[in-house]
């Protein structure tokens, strides 16, 4: 990280230029663990190293993935 980087908590870092770095987990949360208007990010190393996203809006849980090119 660049000089002057601020650590907001163990998962978020912001450098002097305002760039945001997020440390993500490596496993999917259960649907019941995702609260309304909350998202979870993780990298699934066993599934082509995809970035996966799960979020809840009301009663609906949405799941997405981004695969490397």
Protein backbone atom coordinates (compact mmCIF):
# COMPACT_ATOMS: atom_id res chain seq x y z
CA UNK A 1 0.00 0.00 0.00
CA UNK A 2 1.10 3.55 -0.65
CA UNK A 3 2.56 5.77 2.05
CA UNK A 4 -0.22 7.35 4.07
CA UNK A 5 -2.66 4.48 3.54
CA UNK A 6 -5.41 4.48 6.13
CA UNK A 7 -6.85 1.20 7.38
CA UNK A 8 -10.52 1.73 8.25
CA UNK A 9 -10.95 -1.85 9.44
CA UNK A 10 -9.48 -5.21 8.54
CA UNK A 11 -11.34 -5.40 5.20
CA UNK A 12 -11.15 -1.80 3.87
CA UNK A 13 -8.16 0.35 2.95
CA UNK A 14 -8.05 3.80 1.33
CA UNK A 15 -4.83 5.28 -0.08
CA UNK A 16 -3.87 8.97 -0.30
CA UNK A 17 -5.45 9.23 -3.77
CA UNK A 18 -8.79 7.94 -2.51
CA UNK A 19 -8.47 4.48 -4.09
CA UNK A 20 -10.47 1.89 -2.16
CA UNK A 21 -9.14 -1.63 -1.58
CA UNK A 22 -11.44 -4.35 -0.27
CA UNK A 23 -10.24 -7.65 1.17
CA UNK A 24 -12.81 -10.33 0.43
CA UNK A 25 -13.38 -13.80 1.82
CA UNK A 26 -13.13 -17.14 0.08
CA UNK A 27 -16.51 -18.66 0.81
CA UNK A 28 -20.17 -17.99 0.12
CA UNK A 29 -22.43 -16.90 2.95
CA UNK A 30 -25.71 -18.71 3.50
CA UNK A 31 -28.69 -16.83 2.07
CA UNK A 32 -30.04 -16.35 5.58
CA UNK A 33 -26.84 -14.61 6.65
CA UNK A 34 -27.29 -11.79 4.11
CA UNK A 35 -29.48 -9.00 5.48
CA UNK A 36 -31.72 -6.72 3.44
CA UNK A 37 -29.72 -4.14 1.42
CA UNK A 38 -26.47 -5.97 2.20
CA UNK A 39 -23.96 -7.53 -0.22
CA UNK A 40 -21.18 -10.04 0.27
CA UNK A 41 -18.14 -10.44 -1.99
CA UNK A 42 -15.80 -13.43 -2.17
CA UNK A 43 -13.40 -15.10 -4.56
CA UNK A 44 -14.16 -18.71 -5.41
CA UNK A 45 -10.74 -20.18 -6.15
CA UNK A 46 -12.25 -23.57 -6.92
CA UNK A 47 -14.57 -22.23 -9.61
CA UNK A 48 -12.22 -20.59 -12.10
CA UNK A 49 -11.14 -17.89 -9.62
CA UNK A 50 -14.40 -16.01 -10.07
CA UNK A 51 -15.39 -12.98 -8.03
CA UNK A 52 -18.82 -13.78 -6.63
CA UNK A 53 -21.42 -11.41 -5.24
CA UNK A 54 -24.52 -12.16 -3.20
CA UNK A 55 -27.00 -9.51 -2.10
CA UNK A 56 -30.48 -9.24 -0.65
CA UNK A 57 -33.26 -6.86 -1.61
CA UNK A 58 -36.34 -7.56 0.46
CA UNK A 59 -37.09 -11.29 0.39
CA UNK A 60 -35.05 -11.90 -2.77
CA UNK A 61 -31.40 -12.98 -2.70
CA UNK A 62 -29.44 -12.24 -5.87
CA UNK A 63 -26.19 -13.97 -6.85
CA UNK A 64 -23.74 -12.86 -9.54
CA UNK A 65 -20.27 -13.81 -10.66
CA UNK A 66 -17.48 -12.15 -12.60
CA UNK A 67 -15.03 -14.46 -14.36
CA UNK A 68 -11.49 -13.40 -15.32
CA UNK A 69 -10.88 -12.84 -19.00
